[in-house]
Amino acid sequence: MIRAEVTLESWPLARPFEVAREVQLDVPMIHVRLLDALGHAGQAEAVGIDYDGETPAGMAAQIAALGPEITRAAIDALPAGGARNALDCAWWDLAAKREGRAVCAGLPPVETCYTVGLGTRAEMQEGAALSRPHALVKIKVDATRHVAAVRWVREVRGDARIVIDANEGWDLALLRQVLPELAELGVEMVEQPLPRGADAALAGFASPIPLCADESCTTRSSLPALLGRYQAVNIKLDKTGGLTEALALAEAARAAGLDLMVGNMCGTSLGMAPAFVVAQQARWADLDGPLLLSRDRTSAMRFEGGCALPPPQELWG
């Protein structure tokens, strides 16, 4: 028999983190432990998809509704989202602990971006200064701070590779307007420029910079609507409902000719650890969640030279 222990947590950010739709001060989440009758335990966390209305309390209620025994079939029957992500990744960890193996054994470090949140010129340049160990910088932009935001960061990080994330904050007219300047500034990818559901406007659109679907890409079922509109997809375990579907989505996306980004919902090292497995296949990795927090878990992942190192087995896997 396998049972679940669920704890609601909140992890403070080191500094306010602004994106096109909100300003975050902390990261609420659930922590899940799966325990078997022999004393083995696997753990994971999930932030959930807040823009879809997921909350830690709601995810905990989903897990509680499964009853006292957790089965693989019950996990797979849950809808994609934070609750299934936490259970799926904890199941992976439990299986590794039972079998005495390490999921990430032999995997190389992954270059990860450092994310600069929206703000004033001074605030964004302060964030850019913190990104210096990282060759790749991700910049949050919105409908009014876009080209200027990239210029502000460029003044501090003229050497950086840059990707930007509009978090659904643009329309097609604005995208057309800013793409030439962004290309001149060396931006190598634009993430989710249009609102989810408006993707059809990109059909046949020839962008000089690859466009990456984030909010519009959830599981394998979302892929057909993205083909011919995006050149890449951002895989996040909270969206896929865990590592199992994330790996399947990565395989399907690559087979369809799409580049991969692996992202995060700003969690701790425990959230990045299973994403590290998928990031082995990615052109861009965004595993910097712990770097944006004021503290991290014990046995945390290490970051060196702009890279995420494999998670310690004590943490996950």
C-alpha atoms as a PDB file:
ATOM      1  CA  MET A   1       0.000   0.000   0.000  1.00  0.00           C
ATOM      2  CA  ILE A   2       1.260   3.472  -0.890  1.00  0.00           C
ATOM      3  CA  ARG A   3      -0.085   6.492   0.932  1.00  0.00           C
ATOM      4  CA  ALA A   4       0.410  10.215   0.368  1.00  0.00           C
ATOM      5  CA  GLU A   5       1.380  12.965   2.784  1.00  0.00           C
ATOM      6  CA  VAL A   6       0.619  16.455   1.464  1.00  0.00           C
ATOM      7  CA  THR A   7       1.907  19.708   2.953  1.00  0.00           C
ATOM      8  CA  LEU A   8       1.020  23.239   1.862  1.00  0.00           C
ATOM      9  CA  GLU A   9       4.087  25.485   1.611  1.00  0.00           C
ATOM     10  CA  SER A  10       5.040  29.023   0.603  1.00  0.00           C
ATOM     11  CA  TRP A  11       8.575  29.996  -0.420  1.00  0.00           C
ATOM     12  CA  PRO A  12       9.533  33.699  -0.422  1.00  0.00           C
ATOM     13  CA  LEU A  13      11.188  35.199  -3.474  1.00  0.00           C
ATOM     14  CA  ALA A  14      14.452  37.077  -3.054  1.00  0.00           C
ATOM     15  CA  ARG A  15      12.924  40.105  -4.792  1.00  0.00           C
ATOM     16  CA  PRO A  16       9.506  40.896  -6.296  1.00  0.00           C
ATOM     17  CA  PHE A  17       9.069  39.104  -9.609  1.00  0.00           C
ATOM     18  CA  GLU A  18       6.903  40.851 -12.203  1.00  0.00           C
ATOM     19  CA  VAL A  19       5.554  39.342 -15.416  1.00  0.00           C
ATOM     20  CA  ALA A  20       2.956  40.649 -17.873  1.00  0.00           C
ATOM     21  CA  ARG A  21       0.000  39.529 -15.743  1.00  0.00           C
ATOM     22  CA  GLU A  22       1.128  39.786 -12.096  1.00  0.00           C
ATOM     23  CA  VAL A  23       3.771  40.544  -9.475  1.00  0.00           C
ATOM     24  CA  GLN A  24       4.846  37.636  -7.261  1.00  0.00           C
ATOM     25  CA  LEU A  25       6.303  37.961  -3.764  1.00  0.00           C
ATOM     26  CA  ASP A  26       6.308  34.268  -2.890  1.00  0.00           C
ATOM     27  CA  VAL A  27       5.661  30.865  -4.437  1.00  0.00           C
ATOM     28  CA  PRO A  28       2.817  28.827  -2.886  1.00  0.00           C
ATOM     29  CA  MET A  29       2.983  25.097  -3.575  1.00  0.00           C
ATOM     30  CA  ILE A  30       2.313  21.599  -2.317  1.00  0.00           C
ATOM     31  CA  HIS A  31       4.953  19.156  -1.111  1.00  0.00           C
ATOM     32  CA  VAL A  32       4.029  15.473  -1.523  1.00  0.00           C
ATOM     33  CA  ARG A  33       5.610  12.399   0.038  1.00  0.00           C
ATOM     34  CA  LEU A  34       4.623   8.902  -1.093  1.00  0.00           C
ATOM     35  CA  LEU A  35       5.383   6.195   1.462  1.00  0.00           C
ATOM     36  CA  ASP A  36       5.216   2.431   1.061  1.00  0.00           C
ATOM     37  CA  ALA A  37       4.825  -0.280   3.676  1.00  0.00           C
ATOM     38  CA  LEU A  38       8.577  -0.999   3.743  1.00  0.00           C
ATOM     39  CA  GLY A  39       9.544   2.554   4.712  1.00  0.00           C
ATOM     40  CA  HIS A  40      10.614   3.814   1.311  1.00  0.00           C
ATOM     41  CA  ALA A  41       9.620   7.406   0.532  1.00  0.00           C
ATOM     42  CA  GLY A  42       9.539   9.534  -2.612  1.00  0.00           C
ATOM     43  CA  GLN A  43       8.941  13.255  -2.692  1.00  0.00           C
ATOM     44  CA  ALA A  44       8.031  16.002  -5.138  1.00  0.00           C
ATOM     45  CA  GLU A  45       6.465  19.447  -5.272  1.00  0.00           C
ATOM     46  CA  ALA A  46       4.016  21.284  -7.503  1.00  0.00           C
ATOM     47  CA  VAL A  47       3.149  24.940  -7.885  1.00  0.00           C
ATOM     48  CA  GLY A  48       0.246  24.276 -10.213  1.00  0.00           C
ATOM     49  CA  ILE A  49      -1.047  26.423 -13.045  1.00  0.00           C
ATOM     50  CA  ASP A  50      -2.199  29.564 -11.270  1.00  0.00           C
ATOM     51  CA  TYR A  51      -3.560  31.208 -14.432  1.00  0.00           C
ATOM     52  CA  ASP A  52      -5.904  28.208 -14.745  1.00  0.00           C
ATOM     53  CA  GLY A  53      -7.089  28.699 -11.181  1.00  0.00           C
ATOM     54  CA  GLU A  54      -5.013  25.980  -9.506  1.00  0.00           C
ATOM     55  CA  THR A  55      -4.144  26.569  -5.854  1.00  0.00           C
ATOM     56  CA  PRO A  56      -2.241  24.513  -3.286  1.00  0.00           C
ATOM     57  CA  ALA A  57      -5.488  23.867  -1.395  1.00  0.00           C
ATOM     58  CA  GLY A  58      -7.213  22.716  -4.570  1.00  0.00           C
ATOM     59  CA  MET A  59      -4.364  20.394  -5.523  1.00  0.00           C
ATOM     60  CA  ALA A  60      -4.289  18.940  -2.011  1.00  0.00           C
ATOM     61  CA  ALA A  61      -8.033  18.298  -2.227  1.00  0.00           C
ATOM     62  CA  GLN A  62      -7.572  16.441  -5.532  1.00  0.00           C
ATOM     63  CA  ILE A  63      -5.033  14.155  -3.904  1.00  0.00           C
ATOM     64  CA  ALA A  64      -7.142  13.639  -0.773  1.00  0.00           C
ATOM     65  CA  ALA A  65     -10.074  12.601  -2.972  1.00  0.00           C
ATOM     66  CA  LEU A  66      -8.053   9.609  -4.183  1.00  0.00           C
ATOM     67  CA  GLY A  67      -8.469   8.036  -0.764  1.00  0.00           C
ATOM     68  CA  PRO A  68      -5.975   6.392   1.592  1.00  0.00           C
ATOM     69  CA  GLU A  69      -4.182   4.347  -1.075  1.00  0.00           C
ATOM     70  CA  ILE A  70      -2.388   5.832  -4.070  1.00  0.00           C
ATOM     71  CA  THR A  71      -2.114   3.696  -7.190  1.00  0.00           C
ATOM     72  CA  ARG A  72      -0.442   4.330 -10.520  1.00  0.00           C
ATOM     73  CA  ALA A  73      -3.806   4.033 -12.243  1.00  0.00           C
ATOM     74  CA  ALA A  74      -5.309   6.693  -9.978  1.00  0.00           C
ATOM     75  CA  ILE A  75      -2.441   9.084 -10.746  1.00  0.00           C
ATOM     76  CA  ASP A  76      -2.805   8.558 -14.490  1.00  0.00           C
ATOM     77  CA  ALA A  77      -6.566   9.180 -14.281  1.00  0.00           C
ATOM     78  CA  LEU A  78      -6.094  12.693 -12.841  1.00  0.00           C
ATOM     79  CA  PRO A  79      -6.258  15.630 -15.258  1.00  0.00           C
ATOM     80  CA  ALA A  80      -2.955  17.193 -16.258  1.00  0.00           C
ATOM     81  CA  GLY A  81      -1.979  19.776 -13.666  1.00  0.00           C
ATOM     82  CA  GLY A  82      -0.184  20.283 -10.396  1.00  0.00           C
ATOM     83  CA  ALA A  83      -1.717  17.446  -8.386  1.00  0.00           C
ATOM     84  CA  ARG A  84      -0.817  14.843 -10.983  1.00  0.00           C
ATOM     85  CA  ASN A  85       2.628  16.398 -11.399  1.00  0.00           C
ATOM     86  CA  ALA A  86       3.427  16.102  -7.698  1.00  0.00           C
ATOM     87  CA  LEU A  87       2.205  12.506  -7.507  1.00  0.00           C
ATOM     88  CA  ASP A  88       3.875  11.425 -10.747  1.00  0.00           C
ATOM     89  CA  CYS A  89       7.271  12.889  -9.809  1.00  0.00           C
ATOM     90  CA  ALA A  90       7.045  11.505  -6.270  1.00  0.00           C
ATOM     91  CA  TRP A  91       6.241   8.095  -7.813  1.00  0.00           C
ATOM     92  CA  TRP A  92       9.421   8.345  -9.923  1.00  0.00           C
ATOM     93  CA  ASP A  93      11.422   9.172  -6.786  1.00  0.00           C
ATOM     94  CA  LEU A  94       9.824   6.368  -4.782  1.00  0.00           C
ATOM     95  CA  ALA A  95      10.573   3.854  -7.534  1.00  0.00           C
ATOM     96  CA  ALA A  96      14.207   4.970  -7.648  1.00  0.00           C
ATOM     97  CA  LYS A  97      14.551   4.654  -3.870  1.00  0.00           C
ATOM     98  CA  ARG A  98      12.979   1.201  -3.898  1.00  0.00           C
ATOM     99  CA  GLU A  99      15.281  -0.017  -6.681  1.00  0.00           C
ATOM    100  CA  GLY A 100      18.423   1.641  -5.347  1.00  0.00           C
ATOM    101  CA  ARG A 101      19.120   3.517  -8.567  1.00  0.00           C
ATOM    102  CA  ALA A 102      19.593   7.182  -9.454  1.00  0.00           C
ATOM    103  CA  VAL A 103      17.367   8.628 -12.190  1.00  0.00           C
ATOM    104  CA  CYS A 104      19.935  11.306 -13.081  1.00  0.00           C
ATOM    105  CA  ALA A 105      23.053   9.131 -12.824  1.00  0.00           C
ATOM    106  CA  GLY A 106      25.494  10.021 -15.570  1.00  0.00           C
ATOM    107  CA  LEU A 107      23.506  12.972 -16.904  1.00  0.00           C
ATOM    108  CA  PRO A 108      25.607  16.046 -17.750  1.00  0.00           C
ATOM    109  CA  PRO A 109      24.987  19.562 -16.395  1.00  0.00           C
ATOM    110  CA  VAL A 110      22.391  21.664 -18.200  1.00  0.00           C
ATOM    111  CA  GLU A 111      22.965  25.268 -19.186  1.00  0.00           C
ATOM    112  CA  THR A 112      20.103  27.279 -17.734  1.00  0.00           C
ATOM    113  CA  CYS A 113      18.964  30.808 -18.328  1.00  0.00           C
ATOM    114  CA  TYR A 114      18.605  33.406 -15.594  1.00  0.00           C
ATOM    115  CA  THR A 115      15.272  35.225 -15.713  1.00  0.00           C
ATOM    116  CA  VAL A 116      15.045  39.008 -15.408  1.00  0.00           C
ATOM    117  CA  GLY A 117      11.572  40.087 -14.322  1.00  0.00           C
ATOM    118  CA  LEU A 118       9.774  43.197 -15.472  1.00  0.00           C
ATOM    119  CA  GLY A 119      10.370  46.484 -13.717  1.00  0.00           C
ATOM    120  CA  THR A 120      11.898  49.902 -14.087  1.00  0.00           C
ATOM    121  CA  ARG A 121      15.127  50.357 -15.986  1.00  0.00           C
ATOM    122  CA  ALA A 122      17.072  50.317 -12.708  1.00  0.00           C
ATOM    123  CA  GLU A 123      15.271  47.212 -11.433  1.00  0.00           C
ATOM    124  CA  MET A 124      15.765  45.274 -14.657  1.00  0.00           C
ATOM    125  CA  GLN A 125      19.422  46.253 -14.838  1.00  0.00           C
ATOM    126  CA  GLU A 126      19.836  45.085 -11.251  1.00  0.00           C
ATOM    127  CA  GLY A 127      18.391  41.742 -12.307  1.00  0.00           C
ATOM    128  CA  ALA A 128      20.657  41.704 -15.359  1.00  0.00           C
ATOM    129  CA  ALA A 129      23.692  42.171 -13.111  1.00  0.00           C
ATOM    130  CA  LEU A 130      22.647  39.102 -11.117  1.00  0.00           C
ATOM    131  CA  SER A 131      22.540  37.096 -14.362  1.00  0.00           C
ATOM    132  CA  ARG A 132      26.273  37.472 -15.062  1.00  0.00           C
ATOM    133  CA  PRO A 133      27.210  33.807 -14.428  1.00  0.00           C
ATOM    134  CA  HIS A 134      24.711  32.830 -17.131  1.00  0.00           C
ATOM    135  CA  ALA A 135      25.369  32.992 -20.860  1.00  0.00           C
ATOM    136  CA  LEU A 136      21.602  32.781 -21.501  1.00  0.00           C
ATOM    137  CA  VAL A 137      19.228  35.422 -20.127  1.00  0.00           C
ATOM    138  CA  LYS A 138      15.440  35.332 -20.269  1.00  0.00           C
ATOM    139  CA  ILE A 139      13.670  38.696 -20.110  1.00  0.00           C
ATOM    140  CA  LYS A 140      10.041  39.150 -19.134  1.00  0.00           C
ATOM    141  CA  VAL A 141       8.271  41.740 -21.299  1.00  0.00           C
ATOM    142  CA  ASP A 142       4.757  43.135 -21.702  1.00  0.00           C
ATOM    143  CA  ALA A 143       2.779  45.302 -24.115  1.00  0.00           C
ATOM    144  CA  THR A 144       4.659  48.513 -23.241  1.00  0.00           C
ATOM    145  CA  ARG A 145       8.050  47.327 -21.999  1.00  0.00           C
ATOM    146  CA  HIS A 146       9.503  45.158 -24.751  1.00  0.00           C
ATOM    147  CA  VAL A 147      12.233  46.558 -27.005  1.00  0.00           C
ATOM    148  CA  ALA A 148      13.205  49.047 -24.286  1.00  0.00           C
ATOM    149  CA  ALA A 149      13.436  46.228 -21.731  1.00  0.00           C
ATOM    150  CA  VAL A 150      15.810  44.291 -23.974  1.00  0.00           C
ATOM    151  CA  ARG A 151      17.924  47.424 -24.501  1.00  0.00           C
ATOM    152  CA  TRP A 152      18.120  47.990 -20.738  1.00  0.00           C
ATOM    153  CA  VAL A 153      19.385  44.460 -20.171  1.00  0.00           C
ATOM    154  CA  ARG A 154      21.740  44.697 -23.151  1.00  0.00           C
ATOM    155  CA  GLU A 155      23.408  47.727 -21.534  1.00  0.00           C
ATOM    156  CA  VAL A 156      24.483  45.447 -18.680  1.00  0.00           C
ATOM    157  CA  ARG A 157      24.750  42.114 -20.521  1.00  0.00           C
ATOM    158  CA  GLY A 158      26.008  42.917 -23.987  1.00  0.00           C
ATOM    159  CA  ASP A 159      27.575  39.455 -24.083  1.00  0.00           C
ATOM    160  CA  ALA A 160      24.424  37.474 -23.286  1.00  0.00           C
ATOM    161  CA  ARG A 161      22.255  35.275 -25.440  1.00  0.00           C
ATOM    162  CA  ILE A 162      18.706  36.532 -24.945  1.00  0.00           C
ATOM    163  CA  VAL A 163      15.227  35.027 -25.090  1.00  0.00           C
ATOM    164  CA  ILE A 164      12.105  36.952 -24.120  1.00  0.00           C
ATOM    165  CA  ASP A 165       8.719  35.986 -22.683  1.00  0.00           C
ATOM    166  CA  ALA A 166       5.593  38.079 -23.298  1.00  0.00           C
ATOM    167  CA  ASN A 167       3.297  35.820 -21.215  1.00  0.00           C
ATOM    168  CA  GLU A 168       0.385  36.246 -23.677  1.00  0.00           C
ATOM    169  CA  GLY A 169       0.678  40.034 -23.463  1.00  0.00           C
ATOM    170  CA  TRP A 170       0.876  41.004 -27.163  1.00  0.00           C
ATOM    171  CA  ASP A 171      -1.292  40.958 -30.243  1.00  0.00           C
ATOM    172  CA  LEU A 172      -0.237  40.179 -33.807  1.00  0.00           C
ATOM    173  CA  ALA A 173       0.164  43.848 -34.749  1.00  0.00           C
ATOM    174  CA  LEU A 174       2.592  44.466 -31.888  1.00  0.00           C
ATOM    175  CA  LEU A 175       4.475  41.273 -32.695  1.00  0.00           C
ATOM    176  CA  ARG A 176       4.948  42.412 -36.295  1.00  0.00           C
ATOM    177  CA  GLN A 177       6.052  45.858 -35.115  1.00  0.00           C
ATOM    178  CA  VAL A 178       8.740  44.795 -32.643  1.00  0.00           C
ATOM    179  CA  LEU A 179      10.228  41.708 -34.311  1.00  0.00           C
ATOM    180  CA  PRO A 180      12.707  43.604 -36.552  1.00  0.00           C
ATOM    181  CA  GLU A 181      14.158  45.559 -33.609  1.00  0.00           C
ATOM    182  CA  LEU A 182      14.292  42.460 -31.440  1.00  0.00           C
ATOM    183  CA  ALA A 183      16.170  40.643 -34.183  1.00  0.00           C
ATOM    184  CA  GLU A 184      18.675  43.503 -34.376  1.00  0.00           C
ATOM    185  CA  LEU A 185      19.190  43.211 -30.610  1.00  0.00           C
ATOM    186  CA  GLY A 186      20.063  39.537 -30.986  1.00  0.00           C
ATOM    187  CA  VAL A 187      16.933  38.058 -29.384  1.00  0.00           C
ATOM    188  CA  GLU A 188      16.959  34.379 -30.358  1.00  0.00           C
ATOM    189  CA  MET A 189      13.447  33.321 -29.295  1.00  0.00           C
ATOM    190  CA  VAL A 190      10.102  34.896 -28.339  1.00  0.00           C
ATOM    191  CA  GLU A 191       7.956  32.950 -25.894  1.00  0.00           C
ATOM    192  CA  GLN A 192       4.121  33.030 -26.042  1.00  0.00           C
ATOM    193  CA  PRO A 193       3.592  36.437 -27.654  1.00  0.00           C
ATOM    194  CA  LEU A 194      -0.170  36.031 -28.215  1.00  0.00           C
ATOM    195  CA  PRO A 195      -2.875  34.929 -25.780  1.00  0.00           C
ATOM    196  CA  ARG A 196      -3.611  31.236 -25.563  1.00  0.00           C
ATOM    197  CA  GLY A 197      -6.475  30.589 -27.938  1.00  0.00           C
ATOM    198  CA  ALA A 198      -5.296  33.250 -30.404  1.00  0.00           C
ATOM    199  CA  ASP A 199      -2.672  30.958 -31.931  1.00  0.00           C
ATOM    200  CA  ALA A 200      -4.501  30.662 -35.254  1.00  0.00           C
ATOM    201  CA  ALA A 201      -3.362  34.212 -36.071  1.00  0.00           C
ATOM    202  CA  LEU A 202       0.175  32.823 -36.407  1.00  0.00           C
ATOM    203  CA  ALA A 203      -0.723  30.371 -39.179  1.00  0.00           C
ATOM    204  CA  GLY A 204       1.577  31.090 -42.087  1.00  0.00           C
ATOM    205  CA  PHE A 205       3.289  33.939 -40.237  1.00  0.00           C
ATOM    206  CA  ALA A 206       6.977  34.061 -41.166  1.00  0.00           C
ATOM    207  CA  SER A 207       8.770  35.254 -38.046  1.00  0.00           C
ATOM    208  CA  PRO A 208      12.458  36.170 -38.248  1.00  0.00           C
ATOM    209  CA  ILE A 209      12.802  34.869 -34.669  1.00  0.00           C
ATOM    210  CA  PRO A 210      11.547  31.442 -33.514  1.00  0.00           C
ATOM    211  CA  LEU A 211       8.277  31.614 -31.580  1.00  0.00           C
ATOM    212  CA  CYS A 212       7.783  29.289 -28.609  1.00  0.00           C
ATOM    213  CA  ALA A 213       4.410  28.171 -27.243  1.00  0.00           C
ATOM    214  CA  ASP A 214       4.172  28.157 -23.453  1.00  0.00           C
ATOM    215  CA  GLU A 215       0.650  28.642 -22.129  1.00  0.00           C
ATOM    216  CA  SER A 216      -0.643  27.180 -25.415  1.00  0.00           C
ATOM    217  CA  CYS A 217       1.369  23.974 -24.962  1.00  0.00           C
ATOM    218  CA  THR A 218       0.158  21.619 -22.249  1.00  0.00           C
ATOM    219  CA  THR A 219       0.287  17.917 -23.144  1.00  0.00           C
ATOM    220  CA  ARG A 220       0.653  15.937 -26.375  1.00  0.00           C
ATOM    221  CA  SER A 221      -2.992  16.705 -27.138  1.00  0.00           C
ATOM    222  CA  SER A 222      -2.131  20.391 -27.612  1.00  0.00           C
ATOM    223  CA  LEU A 223       0.546  19.788 -30.268  1.00  0.00           C
ATOM    224  CA  PRO A 224      -1.580  19.584 -33.448  1.00  0.00           C
ATOM    225  CA  ALA A 225      -2.881  23.144 -32.953  1.00  0.00           C
ATOM    226  CA  LEU A 226       0.672  24.480 -32.610  1.00  0.00           C
ATOM    227  CA  LEU A 227       2.193  23.048 -35.771  1.00  0.00           C
ATOM    228  CA  GLY A 228       2.779  25.640 -38.485  1.00  0.00           C
ATOM    229  CA  ARG A 229       2.340  28.401 -35.905  1.00  0.00           C
ATOM    230  CA  TYR A 230       5.242  27.930 -33.492  1.00  0.00           C
ATOM    231  CA  GLN A 231       8.781  26.703 -33.942  1.00  0.00           C
ATOM    232  CA  ALA A 232       9.269  25.555 -30.329  1.00  0.00           C
ATOM    233  CA  VAL A 233       7.326  24.518 -27.227  1.00  0.00           C
ATOM    234  CA  ASN A 234       7.982  25.152 -23.545  1.00  0.00           C
ATOM    235  CA  ILE A 235       7.495  21.990 -21.495  1.00  0.00           C
ATOM    236  CA  LYS A 236       6.642  22.502 -17.830  1.00  0.00           C
ATOM    237  CA  LEU A 237       5.843  19.598 -15.557  1.00  0.00           C
ATOM    238  CA  ASP A 238       2.933  21.370 -13.893  1.00  0.00           C
ATOM    239  CA  LYS A 239       1.322  21.720 -17.324  1.00  0.00           C
ATOM    240  CA  THR A 240       2.019  18.168 -18.470  1.00  0.00           C
ATOM    241  CA  GLY A 241       1.004  16.625 -15.175  1.00  0.00           C
ATOM    242  CA  GLY A 242       4.392  15.157 -14.405  1.00  0.00           C
ATOM    243  CA  LEU A 243       7.630  13.785 -15.789  1.00  0.00           C
ATOM    244  CA  THR A 244       5.989  10.813 -17.520  1.00  0.00           C
ATOM    245  CA  GLU A 245       3.899  12.956 -19.878  1.00  0.00           C
ATOM    246  CA  ALA A 246       6.685  15.563 -20.180  1.00  0.00           C
ATOM    247  CA  LEU A 247       9.024  12.966 -21.675  1.00  0.00           C
ATOM    248  CA  ALA A 248       6.305  11.757 -24.029  1.00  0.00           C
ATOM    249  CA  LEU A 249       5.559  15.339 -25.085  1.00  0.00           C
ATOM    250  CA  ALA A 250       9.252  16.009 -25.696  1.00  0.00           C
ATOM    251  CA  GLU A 251       9.496  12.972 -27.959  1.00  0.00           C
ATOM    252  CA  ALA A 252       6.367  13.919 -29.905  1.00  0.00           C
ATOM    253  CA  ALA A 253       7.403  17.569 -30.269  1.00  0.00           C
ATOM    254  CA  ARG A 254      10.841  16.669 -31.540  1.00  0.00           C
ATOM    255  CA  ALA A 255       9.339  14.193 -34.002  1.00  0.00           C
ATOM    256  CA  ALA A 256       7.158  17.044 -35.287  1.00  0.00           C
ATOM    257  CA  GLY A 257      10.235  19.196 -35.883  1.00  0.00           C
ATOM    258  CA  LEU A 258       9.786  21.540 -32.930  1.00  0.00           C
ATOM    259  CA  ASP A 259      12.593  22.805 -30.725  1.00  0.00           C
ATOM    260  CA  LEU A 260      12.219  22.371 -26.974  1.00  0.00           C
ATOM    261  CA  MET A 261      12.391  24.677 -24.014  1.00  0.00           C
ATOM    262  CA  VAL A 262      12.005  23.270 -20.507  1.00  0.00           C
ATOM    263  CA  GLY A 263      10.639  25.783 -18.029  1.00  0.00           C
ATOM    264  CA  ASN A 264       9.477  26.065 -14.445  1.00  0.00           C
ATOM    265  CA  MET A 265       6.848  27.751 -12.304  1.00  0.00           C
ATOM    266  CA  CYS A 266       9.487  29.261 -10.010  1.00  0.00           C
ATOM    267  CA  GLY A 267       9.817  26.370  -7.578  1.00  0.00           C
ATOM    268  CA  THR A 268      12.603  25.005  -5.399  1.00  0.00           C
ATOM    269  CA  SER A 269      15.310  22.524  -6.382  1.00  0.00           C
ATOM    270  CA  LEU A 270      12.780  19.756  -5.816  1.00  0.00           C
ATOM    271  CA  GLY A 271      10.695  21.129  -8.672  1.00  0.00           C
ATOM    272  CA  MET A 272      13.726  21.509 -10.943  1.00  0.00           C
ATOM    273  CA  ALA A 273      15.085  18.001 -10.331  1.00  0.00           C
ATOM    274  CA  PRO A 274      12.640  16.017 -12.524  1.00  0.00           C
ATOM    275  CA  ALA A 275      12.617  18.844 -15.099  1.00  0.00           C
ATOM    276  CA  PHE A 276      16.404  18.360 -15.327  1.00  0.00           C
ATOM    277  CA  VAL A 277      15.731  14.980 -16.955  1.00  0.00           C
ATOM    278  CA  VAL A 278      13.652  16.518 -19.760  1.00  0.00           C
ATOM    279  CA  ALA A 279      16.074  19.434 -20.125  1.00  0.00           C
ATOM    280  CA  GLN A 280      18.683  17.033 -21.480  1.00  0.00           C
ATOM    281  CA  GLN A 281      16.797  17.264 -24.785  1.00  0.00           C
ATOM    282  CA  ALA A 282      16.124  21.007 -24.778  1.00  0.00           C
ATOM    283  CA  ARG A 283      17.587  23.813 -26.864  1.00  0.00           C
ATOM    284  CA  TRP A 284      16.757  26.235 -24.043  1.00  0.00           C
ATOM    285  CA  ALA A 285      16.478  25.366 -20.362  1.00  0.00           C
ATOM    286  CA  ASP A 286      14.874  27.564 -17.714  1.00  0.00           C
ATOM    287  CA  LEU A 287      15.656  25.856 -14.415  1.00  0.00           C
ATOM    288  CA  ASP A 288      16.529  28.979 -12.439  1.00  0.00           C
ATOM    289  CA  GLY A 289      13.583  28.847 -10.007  1.00  0.00           C
ATOM    290  CA  PRO A 290      15.750  28.252  -6.908  1.00  0.00           C
ATOM    291  CA  LEU A 291      18.005  31.174  -7.859  1.00  0.00           C
ATOM    292  CA  LEU A 292      15.038  33.531  -7.586  1.00  0.00           C
ATOM    293  CA  LEU A 293      14.071  32.360  -4.080  1.00  0.00           C
ATOM    294  CA  SER A 294      15.424  33.701  -0.806  1.00  0.00           C
ATOM    295  CA  ARG A 295      16.182  30.114   0.316  1.00  0.00           C
ATOM    296  CA  ASP A 296      16.083  26.562  -1.010  1.00  0.00           C
ATOM    297  CA  ARG A 297      15.578  23.043   0.268  1.00  0.00           C
ATOM    298  CA  THR A 298      18.249  21.029   2.014  1.00  0.00           C
ATOM    299  CA  SER A 299      20.272  18.818  -0.361  1.00  0.00           C
ATOM    300  CA  ALA A 300      19.561  21.474  -2.998  1.00  0.00           C
ATOM    301  CA  MET A 301      20.735  21.384  -6.583  1.00  0.00           C
ATOM    302  CA  ARG A 302      23.960  23.237  -7.330  1.00  0.00           C
ATOM    303  CA  PHE A 303      24.371  25.862 -10.021  1.00  0.00           C
ATOM    304  CA  GLU A 304      27.831  26.557 -11.384  1.00  0.00           C
ATOM    305  CA  GLY A 305      28.987  28.574 -14.374  1.00  0.00           C
ATOM    306  CA  GLY A 306      25.458  29.181 -15.573  1.00  0.00           C
ATOM    307  CA  CYS A 307      24.625  25.457 -15.446  1.00  0.00           C
ATOM    308  CA  ALA A 308      22.336  23.334 -13.292  1.00  0.00           C
ATOM    309  CA  LEU A 309      24.132  20.255 -11.963  1.00  0.00           C
ATOM    310  CA  PRO A 310      22.362  16.901 -11.540  1.00  0.00           C
ATOM    311  CA  PRO A 311      20.202  16.811  -8.389  1.00  0.00           C
ATOM    312  CA  PRO A 312      21.551  14.924  -5.370  1.00  0.00           C
ATOM    313  CA  GLN A 313      19.831  11.578  -4.968  1.00  0.00           C
ATOM    314  CA  GLU A 314      18.891  12.620  -1.419  1.00  0.00           C
ATOM    315  CA  LEU A 315      16.729  15.364  -2.953  1.00  0.00           C
ATOM    316  CA  TRP A 316      15.050  13.446  -5.752  1.00  0.00           C
ATOM    317  CA  GLY A 317      15.614  10.486  -8.037  1.00  0.00           C
END
